[in-house]
Amino acid sequence: MGGQAVGVWNQELRFPIYKLLHGGIYWDAGNVFATAGEFRLSDLRHSVGAGLRFVLPFGALRFDWAEALNAQINDETTRWHFSFGYAF
C-alpha cells in the first residue's frame, strides 16, 4: 500500500567463525505509515535473525533466517533470505 513516512531501525553483530566464514545476529524494527503524523513507536514490527556470511574479495554472500516477533494477521512469520553485500 505504501505511505509517506517510514521508520527503520536495525542492529547487527558480526563475528568470524572460520577463515572466510562469518556469522551474524540481528534485530530489525520498522514500518510504513500513511503520513508522518500517524507514526507511532508502538506500531513498529520487530524481528530477529541470524545468518552466515562468506566474505569474498568482491563482497559477502549472505544466507539469513529471520523470525517475526510481533507478527500481525497475514504476515509471514519466518523468512529465509539470500543476498550479496551488506546493507550498511
PDB file of N, CA and C in Angstrom:
ATOM      1  N   MET A   1       0.816  -1.186   0.000  1.00  0.00           N
ATOM      2  CA  MET A   1       0.000   0.000   0.000  1.00  0.00           C
ATOM      3  C   MET A   1       0.863   1.256   0.000  1.00  0.00           C
ATOM      4  N   GLY A   2       1.982   1.240   0.685  1.00  0.00           N
ATOM      5  CA  GLY A   2       2.876   2.395   0.685  1.00  0.00           C
ATOM      6  C   GLY A   2       2.459   3.451   1.689  1.00  0.00           C
ATOM      7  N   GLY A   3       3.175   4.535   1.687  1.00  0.00           N
ATOM      8  CA  GLY A   3       2.896   5.625   2.601  1.00  0.00           C
ATOM      9  C   GLY A   3       3.898   6.745   2.404  1.00  0.00           C
ATOM     10  N   GLN A   4       3.734   7.802   3.180  1.00  0.00           N
ATOM     11  CA  GLN A   4       4.602   8.965   3.078  1.00  0.00           C
ATOM     12  C   GLN A   4       5.665   9.014   4.173  1.00  0.00           C
ATOM     13  N   ALA A   5       5.620   8.080   5.095  1.00  0.00           N
ATOM     14  CA  ALA A   5       6.601   8.067   6.185  1.00  0.00           C
ATOM     15  C   ALA A   5       7.050   6.637   6.455  1.00  0.00           C
ATOM     16  N   VAL A   6       8.318   6.488   6.772  1.00  0.00           N
ATOM     17  CA  VAL A   6       8.869   5.174   7.077  1.00  0.00           C
ATOM     18  C   VAL A   6       9.829   5.310   8.251  1.00  0.00           C
ATOM     19  N   GLY A   7       9.843   4.307   9.100  1.00  0.00           N
ATOM     20  CA  GLY A   7      10.812   4.241  10.198  1.00  0.00           C
ATOM     21  C   GLY A   7      11.487   2.886  10.160  1.00  0.00           C
ATOM     22  N   VAL A   8      12.825   2.878  10.165  1.00  0.00           N
ATOM     23  CA  VAL A   8      13.576   1.618  10.114  1.00  0.00           C
ATOM     24  C   VAL A   8      14.736   1.711  11.098  1.00  0.00           C
ATOM     25  N   TRP A   9      14.861   0.717  11.952  1.00  0.00           N
ATOM     26  CA  TRP A   9      15.993   0.597  12.864  1.00  0.00           C
ATOM     27  C   TRP A   9      16.511  -0.822  12.790  1.00  0.00           C
ATOM     28  N   ASN A  10      17.830  -0.981  12.779  1.00  0.00           N
ATOM     29  CA  ASN A  10      18.396  -2.322  12.807  1.00  0.00           C
ATOM     30  C   ASN A  10      19.752  -2.299  13.491  1.00  0.00           C
ATOM     31  N   GLN A  11      20.072  -3.424  14.035  1.00  0.00           N
ATOM     32  CA  GLN A  11      21.337  -3.614  14.739  1.00  0.00           C
ATOM     33  C   GLN A  11      21.852  -5.001  14.366  1.00  0.00           C
ATOM     34  N   GLU A  12      23.141  -5.087  14.042  1.00  0.00           N
ATOM     35  CA  GLU A  12      23.718  -6.370  13.647  1.00  0.00           C
ATOM     36  C   GLU A  12      25.062  -6.558  14.326  1.00  0.00           C
ATOM     37  N   LEU A  13      25.286  -7.750  14.822  1.00  0.00           N
ATOM     38  CA  LEU A  13      26.569  -8.133  15.402  1.00  0.00           C
ATOM     39  C   LEU A  13      27.189  -9.171  14.483  1.00  0.00           C
ATOM     40  N   ARG A  14      28.366  -8.853  13.913  1.00  0.00           N
ATOM     41  CA  ARG A  14      29.076  -9.764  13.017  1.00  0.00           C
ATOM     42  C   ARG A  14      30.287 -10.328  13.736  1.00  0.00           C
ATOM     43  N   PHE A  15      30.611 -11.587  13.444  1.00  0.00           N
ATOM     44  CA  PHE A  15      31.746 -12.223  14.115  1.00  0.00           C
ATOM     45  C   PHE A  15      32.351 -13.291  13.203  1.00  0.00           C
ATOM     46  N   PRO A  16      33.671 -13.477  13.274  1.00  0.00           N
ATOM     47  CA  PRO A  16      34.322 -14.511  12.461  1.00  0.00           C
ATOM     48  C   PRO A  16      34.045 -15.907  13.032  1.00  0.00           C
ATOM     49  N   ILE A  17      33.912 -16.879  12.147  1.00  0.00           N
ATOM     50  CA  ILE A  17      33.738 -18.272  12.556  1.00  0.00           C
ATOM     51  C   ILE A  17      34.968 -19.077  12.162  1.00  0.00           C
ATOM     52  N   TYR A  18      35.286 -19.058  10.860  1.00  0.00           N
ATOM     53  CA  TYR A  18      36.455 -19.794  10.381  1.00  0.00           C
ATOM     54  C   TYR A  18      36.839 -19.255   9.012  1.00  0.00           C
ATOM     55  N   LYS A  19      38.024 -18.704   8.915  1.00  0.00           N
ATOM     56  CA  LYS A  19      38.565 -18.155   7.669  1.00  0.00           C
ATOM     57  C   LYS A  19      37.560 -17.211   7.000  1.00  0.00           C
ATOM     58  N   LEU A  20      37.020 -17.583   5.834  1.00  0.00           N
ATOM     59  CA  LEU A  20      36.106 -16.713   5.095  1.00  0.00           C
ATOM     60  C   LEU A  20      34.666 -16.775   5.591  1.00  0.00           C
ATOM     61  N   LEU A  21      34.383 -17.668   6.517  1.00  0.00           N
ATOM     62  CA  LEU A  21      33.023 -17.839   7.028  1.00  0.00           C
ATOM     63  C   LEU A  21      32.817 -16.970   8.272  1.00  0.00           C
ATOM     64  N   HIS A  22      31.841 -16.095   8.205  1.00  0.00           N
ATOM     65  CA  HIS A  22      31.492 -15.234   9.336  1.00  0.00           C
ATOM     66  C   HIS A  22      30.027 -15.466   9.691  1.00  0.00           C
ATOM     67  N   GLY A  23      29.652 -15.060  10.878  1.00  0.00           N
ATOM     68  CA  GLY A  23      28.271 -15.164  11.324  1.00  0.00           C
ATOM     69  C   GLY A  23      27.716 -13.798  11.650  1.00  0.00           C
ATOM     70  N   GLY A  24      26.426 -13.748  11.815  1.00  0.00           N
ATOM     71  CA  GLY A  24      25.784 -12.507  12.203  1.00  0.00           C
ATOM     72  C   GLY A  24      24.458 -12.782  12.876  1.00  0.00           C
ATOM     73  N   ILE A  25      24.143 -11.970  13.884  1.00  0.00           N
ATOM     74  CA  ILE A  25      22.827 -11.987  14.515  1.00  0.00           C
ATOM     75  C   ILE A  25      22.303 -10.561  14.456  1.00  0.00           C
ATOM     76  N   TYR A  26      20.993 -10.405  14.337  1.00  0.00           N
ATOM     77  CA  TYR A  26      20.469  -9.061  14.167  1.00  0.00           C
ATOM     78  C   TYR A  26      19.058  -8.909  14.703  1.00  0.00           C
ATOM     79  N   TRP A  27      18.688  -7.642  14.889  1.00  0.00           N
ATOM     80  CA  TRP A  27      17.347  -7.211  15.279  1.00  0.00           C
ATOM     81  C   TRP A  27      16.933  -6.094  14.326  1.00  0.00           C
ATOM     82  N   ASP A  28      15.742  -6.163  13.829  1.00  0.00           N
ATOM     83  CA  ASP A  28      15.201  -5.133  12.942  1.00  0.00           C
ATOM     84  C   ASP A  28      13.856  -4.659  13.478  1.00  0.00           C
ATOM     85  N   ALA A  29      13.565  -3.392  13.264  1.00  0.00           N
ATOM     86  CA  ALA A  29      12.251  -2.833  13.593  1.00  0.00           C
ATOM     87  C   ALA A  29      11.907  -1.802  12.533  1.00  0.00           C
ATOM     88  N   GLY A  30      10.642  -1.709  12.183  1.00  0.00           N
ATOM     89  CA  GLY A  30      10.243  -0.707  11.219  1.00  0.00           C
ATOM     90  C   GLY A  30       8.802  -0.864  10.790  1.00  0.00           C
ATOM     91  N   ASN A  31       8.352   0.119  10.018  1.00  0.00           N
ATOM     92  CA  ASN A  31       7.014   0.084   9.445  1.00  0.00           C
ATOM     93  C   ASN A  31       6.867   1.266   8.492  1.00  0.00           C
ATOM     94  N   VAL A  32       5.827   1.233   7.695  1.00  0.00           N
ATOM     95  CA  VAL A  32       5.477   2.333   6.793  1.00  0.00           C
ATOM     96  C   VAL A  32       4.161   2.919   7.291  1.00  0.00           C
ATOM     97  N   PHE A  33       4.075   4.254   7.257  1.00  0.00           N
ATOM     98  CA  PHE A  33       2.892   4.952   7.745  1.00  0.00           C
ATOM     99  C   PHE A  33       2.339   5.846   6.639  1.00  0.00           C
ATOM    100  N   ALA A  34       1.023   5.967   6.583  1.00  0.00           N
ATOM    101  CA  ALA A  34       0.387   6.775   5.538  1.00  0.00           C
ATOM    102  C   ALA A  34       0.891   8.211   5.568  1.00  0.00           C
ATOM    103  N   THR A  35       1.033   8.786   6.763  1.00  0.00           N
ATOM    104  CA  THR A  35       1.570  10.147   6.927  1.00  0.00           C
ATOM    105  C   THR A  35       2.507  10.158   8.128  1.00  0.00           C
ATOM    106  N   ALA A  36       3.365  11.159   8.193  1.00  0.00           N
ATOM    107  CA  ALA A  36       4.290  11.275   9.326  1.00  0.00           C
ATOM    108  C   ALA A  36       3.534  11.450  10.640  1.00  0.00           C
ATOM    109  N   GLY A  37       2.375  12.049  10.604  1.00  0.00           N
ATOM    110  CA  GLY A  37       1.575  12.244  11.814  1.00  0.00           C
ATOM    111  C   GLY A  37       1.035  10.953  12.396  1.00  0.00           C
ATOM    112  N   GLU A  38       0.995   9.897  11.603  1.00  0.00           N
ATOM    113  CA  GLU A  38       0.493   8.606  12.081  1.00  0.00           C
ATOM    114  C   GLU A  38       1.588   7.723  12.674  1.00  0.00           C
ATOM    115  N   PHE A  39       2.847   8.189  12.636  1.00  0.00           N
ATOM    116  CA  PHE A  39       3.976   7.402  13.165  1.00  0.00           C
ATOM    117  C   PHE A  39       3.804   7.161  14.660  1.00  0.00           C
ATOM    118  N   ARG A  40       3.878   5.909  15.079  1.00  0.00           N
ATOM    119  CA  ARG A  40       3.809   5.519  16.491  1.00  0.00           C
ATOM    120  C   ARG A  40       4.839   4.420  16.733  1.00  0.00           C
ATOM    121  N   LEU A  41       5.651   4.587  17.755  1.00  0.00           N
ATOM    122  CA  LEU A  41       6.623   3.540  18.092  1.00  0.00           C
ATOM    123  C   LEU A  41       5.929   2.220  18.396  1.00  0.00           C
ATOM    124  N   SER A  42       4.737   2.280  18.946  1.00  0.00           N
ATOM    125  CA  SER A  42       4.012   1.052  19.289  1.00  0.00           C
ATOM    126  C   SER A  42       3.550   0.282  18.042  1.00  0.00           C
ATOM    127  N   ASP A  43       3.587   0.913  16.875  1.00  0.00           N
ATOM    128  CA  ASP A  43       3.177   0.248  15.637  1.00  0.00           C
ATOM    129  C   ASP A  43       4.334  -0.368  14.865  1.00  0.00           C
ATOM    130  N   LEU A  44       5.537  -0.314  15.410  1.00  0.00           N
ATOM    131  CA  LEU A  44       6.688  -0.901  14.721  1.00  0.00           C
ATOM    132  C   LEU A  44       6.601  -2.418  14.745  1.00  0.00           C
ATOM    133  N   ARG A  45       7.018  -3.054  13.667  1.00  0.00           N
ATOM    134  CA  ARG A  45       7.131  -4.509  13.612  1.00  0.00           C
ATOM    135  C   ARG A  45       8.569  -4.865  13.953  1.00  0.00           C
ATOM    136  N   HIS A  46       8.778  -5.922  14.725  1.00  0.00           N
ATOM    137  CA  HIS A  46      10.104  -6.331  15.169  1.00  0.00           C
ATOM    138  C   HIS A  46      10.404  -7.741  14.690  1.00  0.00           C
ATOM    139  N   SER A  47      11.684  -7.987  14.371  1.00  0.00           N
ATOM    140  CA  SER A  47      12.128  -9.336  14.014  1.00  0.00           C
ATOM    141  C   SER A  47      13.573  -9.524  14.457  1.00  0.00           C
ATOM    142  N   VAL A  48      13.942 -10.765  14.654  1.00  0.00           N
ATOM    143  CA  VAL A  48      15.318 -11.128  14.979  1.00  0.00           C
ATOM    144  C   VAL A  48      15.751 -12.204  13.992  1.00  0.00           C
ATOM    145  N   GLY A  49      17.062 -12.331  13.820  1.00  0.00           N
ATOM    146  CA  GLY A  49      17.535 -13.335  12.892  1.00  0.00           C
ATOM    147  C   GLY A  49      19.007 -13.637  13.057  1.00  0.00           C
ATOM    148  N   ALA A  50      19.457 -14.584  12.260  1.00  0.00           N
ATOM    149  CA  ALA A  50      20.858 -14.998  12.273  1.00  0.00           C
ATOM    150  C   ALA A  50      21.219 -15.455  10.870  1.00  0.00           C
ATOM    151  N   GLY A  51      22.510 -15.424  10.582  1.00  0.00           N
ATOM    152  CA  GLY A  51      22.917 -15.850   9.262  1.00  0.00           C
ATOM    153  C   GLY A  51      24.398 -16.116   9.145  1.00  0.00           C
ATOM    154  N   LEU A  52      24.757 -16.637   7.985  1.00  0.00           N
ATOM    155  CA  LEU A  52      26.150 -16.906   7.651  1.00  0.00           C
ATOM    156  C   LEU A  52      26.569 -15.991   6.518  1.00  0.00           C
ATOM    157  N   ARG A  53      27.836 -15.556   6.555  1.00  0.00           N
ATOM    158  CA  ARG A  53      28.393 -14.709   5.512  1.00  0.00           C
ATOM    159  C   ARG A  53      29.678 -15.339   5.002  1.00  0.00           C
ATOM    160  N   PHE A  54      29.784 -15.482   3.694  1.00  0.00           N
ATOM    161  CA  PHE A  54      31.018 -15.920   3.073  1.00  0.00           C
ATOM    162  C   PHE A  54      31.690 -14.662   2.545  1.00  0.00           C
ATOM    163  N   VAL A  55      32.723 -14.215   3.230  1.00  0.00           N
ATOM    164  CA  VAL A  55      33.377 -12.948   2.906  1.00  0.00           C
ATOM    165  C   VAL A  55      34.404 -13.197   1.810  1.00  0.00           C
ATOM    166  N   LEU A  56      34.097 -12.723   0.615  1.00  0.00           N
ATOM    167  CA  LEU A  56      34.933 -12.914  -0.556  1.00  0.00           C
ATOM    168  C   LEU A  56      35.562 -11.581  -0.949  1.00  0.00           C
ATOM    169  N   PRO A  57      36.609 -11.571  -1.763  1.00  0.00           N
ATOM    170  CA  PRO A  57      37.280 -10.312  -2.129  1.00  0.00           C
ATOM    171  C   PRO A  57      36.356  -9.288  -2.785  1.00  0.00           C
ATOM    172  N   PHE A  58      35.301  -9.735  -3.455  1.00  0.00           N
ATOM    173  CA  PHE A  58      34.400  -8.825  -4.149  1.00  0.00           C
ATOM    174  C   PHE A  58      33.128  -8.522  -3.365  1.00  0.00           C
ATOM    175  N   GLY A  59      33.010  -9.035  -2.146  1.00  0.00           N
ATOM    176  CA  GLY A  59      31.835  -8.779  -1.308  1.00  0.00           C
ATOM    177  C   GLY A  59      31.442 -10.019  -0.530  1.00  0.00           C
ATOM    178  N   ALA A  60      30.386  -9.914   0.221  1.00  0.00           N
ATOM    179  CA  ALA A  60      29.926 -11.013   1.066  1.00  0.00           C
ATOM    180  C   ALA A  60      28.660 -11.645   0.489  1.00  0.00           C
ATOM    181  N   LEU A  61      28.627 -12.976   0.464  1.00  0.00           N
ATOM    182  CA  LEU A  61      27.408 -13.714   0.157  1.00  0.00           C
ATOM    183  C   LEU A  61      26.738 -14.007   1.485  1.00  0.00           C
ATOM    184  N   ARG A  62      25.475 -13.645   1.609  1.00  0.00           N
ATOM    185  CA  ARG A  62      24.769 -13.765   2.882  1.00  0.00           C
ATOM    186  C   ARG A  62      23.602 -14.738   2.778  1.00  0.00           C
ATOM    187  N   PHE A  63      23.476 -15.616   3.762  1.00  0.00           N
ATOM    188  CA  PHE A  63      22.345 -16.527   3.912  1.00  0.00           C
ATOM    189  C   PHE A  63      21.762 -16.259   5.289  1.00  0.00           C
ATOM    190  N   ASP A  64      20.555 -15.708   5.344  1.00  0.00           N
ATOM    191  CA  ASP A  64      19.962 -15.287   6.613  1.00  0.00           C
ATOM    192  C   ASP A  64      18.602 -15.934   6.841  1.00  0.00           C
ATOM    193  N   TRP A  65      18.258 -16.043   8.107  1.00  0.00           N
ATOM    194  CA  TRP A  65      16.949 -16.506   8.539  1.00  0.00           C
ATOM    195  C   TRP A  65      16.430 -15.472   9.527  1.00  0.00           C
ATOM    196  N   ALA A  66      15.151 -15.126   9.423  1.00  0.00           N
ATOM    197  CA  ALA A  66      14.548 -14.144  10.330  1.00  0.00           C
ATOM    198  C   ALA A  66      13.216 -14.663  10.853  1.00  0.00           C
ATOM    199  N   GLU A  67      12.870 -14.232  12.061  1.00  0.00           N
ATOM    200  CA  GLU A  67      11.623 -14.608  12.714  1.00  0.00           C
ATOM    201  C   GLU A  67      10.936 -13.347  13.213  1.00  0.00           C
ATOM    202  N   ALA A  68       9.675 -13.157  12.838  1.00  0.00           N
ATOM    203  CA  ALA A  68       8.906 -12.004  13.304  1.00  0.00           C
ATOM    204  C   ALA A  68       8.553 -12.178  14.780  1.00  0.00           C
ATOM    205  N   LEU A  69       8.705 -11.105  15.554  1.00  0.00           N
ATOM    206  CA  LEU A  69       8.397 -11.160  16.981  1.00  0.00           C
ATOM    207  C   LEU A  69       6.962 -10.738  17.287  1.00  0.00           C
ATOM    208  N   ASN A  70       6.440  -9.805  16.530  1.00  0.00           N
ATOM    209  CA  ASN A  70       5.068  -9.338  16.776  1.00  0.00           C
ATOM    210  C   ASN A  70       4.286  -9.301  15.463  1.00  0.00           C
ATOM    211  N   ALA A  71       4.180 -10.447  14.834  1.00  0.00           N
ATOM    212  CA  ALA A  71       3.506 -10.549  13.540  1.00  0.00           C
ATOM    213  C   ALA A  71       2.022 -10.228  13.671  1.00  0.00           C
ATOM    214  N   GLN A  72       1.491  -9.652  12.622  1.00  0.00           N
ATOM    215  CA  GLN A  72       0.066  -9.371  12.525  1.00  0.00           C
ATOM    216  C   GLN A  72      -0.580 -10.450  11.655  1.00  0.00           C
ATOM    217  N   ILE A  73      -1.893 -10.453  11.583  1.00  0.00           N
ATOM    218  CA  ILE A  73      -2.609 -11.409  10.744  1.00  0.00           C
ATOM    219  C   ILE A  73      -2.132 -11.243   9.293  1.00  0.00           C
ATOM    220  N   ASN A  74      -1.899 -12.334   8.618  1.00  0.00           N
ATOM    221  CA  ASN A  74      -1.447 -12.401   7.219  1.00  0.00           C
ATOM    222  C   ASN A  74       0.027 -12.046   7.031  1.00  0.00           C
ATOM    223  N   ASP A  75       0.782 -11.807   8.100  1.00  0.00           N
ATOM    224  CA  ASP A  75       2.223 -11.570   7.985  1.00  0.00           C
ATOM    225  C   ASP A  75       2.954 -12.902   7.872  1.00  0.00           C
ATOM    226  N   GLU A  76       4.045 -12.915   7.118  1.00  0.00           N
ATOM    227  CA  GLU A  76       4.945 -14.065   7.151  1.00  0.00           C
ATOM    228  C   GLU A  76       5.666 -14.019   8.494  1.00  0.00           C
ATOM    229  N   THR A  77       5.813 -15.155   9.153  1.00  0.00           N
ATOM    230  CA  THR A  77       6.477 -15.146  10.456  1.00  0.00           C
ATOM    231  C   THR A  77       7.917 -15.613  10.382  1.00  0.00           C
ATOM    232  N   THR A  78       8.277 -16.370   9.354  1.00  0.00           N
ATOM    233  CA  THR A  78       9.646 -16.841   9.173  1.00  0.00           C
ATOM    234  C   THR A  78      10.052 -16.617   7.725  1.00  0.00           C
ATOM    235  N   ARG A  79      11.305 -16.209   7.544  1.00  0.00           N
ATOM    236  CA  ARG A  79      11.763 -15.957   6.172  1.00  0.00           C
ATOM    237  C   ARG A  79      13.240 -16.303   6.050  1.00  0.00           C
ATOM    238  N   TRP A  80      13.587 -16.959   4.935  1.00  0.00           N
ATOM    239  CA  TRP A  80      14.973 -17.182   4.535  1.00  0.00           C
ATOM    240  C   TRP A  80      15.322 -16.135   3.497  1.00  0.00           C
ATOM    241  N   HIS A  81      16.562 -15.655   3.528  1.00  0.00           N
ATOM    242  CA  HIS A  81      16.954 -14.585   2.613  1.00  0.00           C
ATOM    243  C   HIS A  81      18.375 -14.814   2.136  1.00  0.00           C
ATOM    244  N   PHE A  82      18.610 -14.627   0.852  1.00  0.00           N
ATOM    245  CA  PHE A  82      19.938 -14.712   0.260  1.00  0.00           C
ATOM    246  C   PHE A  82      20.249 -13.358  -0.355  1.00  0.00           C
ATOM    247  N   SER A  83      21.446 -12.835  -0.105  1.00  0.00           N
ATOM    248  CA  SER A  83      21.816 -11.547  -0.690  1.00  0.00           C
ATOM    249  C   SER A  83      23.326 -11.453  -0.880  1.00  0.00           C
ATOM    250  N   PHE A  84      23.720 -10.422  -1.592  1.00  0.00           N
ATOM    251  CA  PHE A  84      25.124 -10.139  -1.854  1.00  0.00           C
ATOM    252  C   PHE A  84      25.448  -8.773  -1.284  1.00  0.00           C
ATOM    253  N   GLY A  85      26.503  -8.682  -0.477  1.00  0.00           N
ATOM    254  CA  GLY A  85      26.906  -7.412   0.131  1.00  0.00           C
ATOM    255  C   GLY A  85      26.233  -7.171   1.458  1.00  0.00           C
ATOM    256  N   TYR A  86      26.528  -6.026   2.053  1.00  0.00           N
ATOM    257  CA  TYR A  86      25.945  -5.645   3.337  1.00  0.00           C
ATOM    258  C   TYR A  86      25.020  -4.465   3.130  1.00  0.00           C
ATOM    259  N   ALA A  87      23.972  -4.386   3.921  1.00  0.00           N
ATOM    260  CA  ALA A  87      23.037  -3.248   3.838  1.00  0.00           C
ATOM    261  C   ALA A  87      23.698  -1.986   4.377  1.00  0.00           C
ATOM    262  N   PHE A  88      24.592  -2.140   5.334  1.00  0.00           N
ATOM    263  CA  PHE A  88      25.297  -0.983   5.915  1.00  0.00           C
ATOM    264  C   PHE A  88      26.653  -1.394   6.393  1.00  0.00           C
TER     265      PHE A  88
END
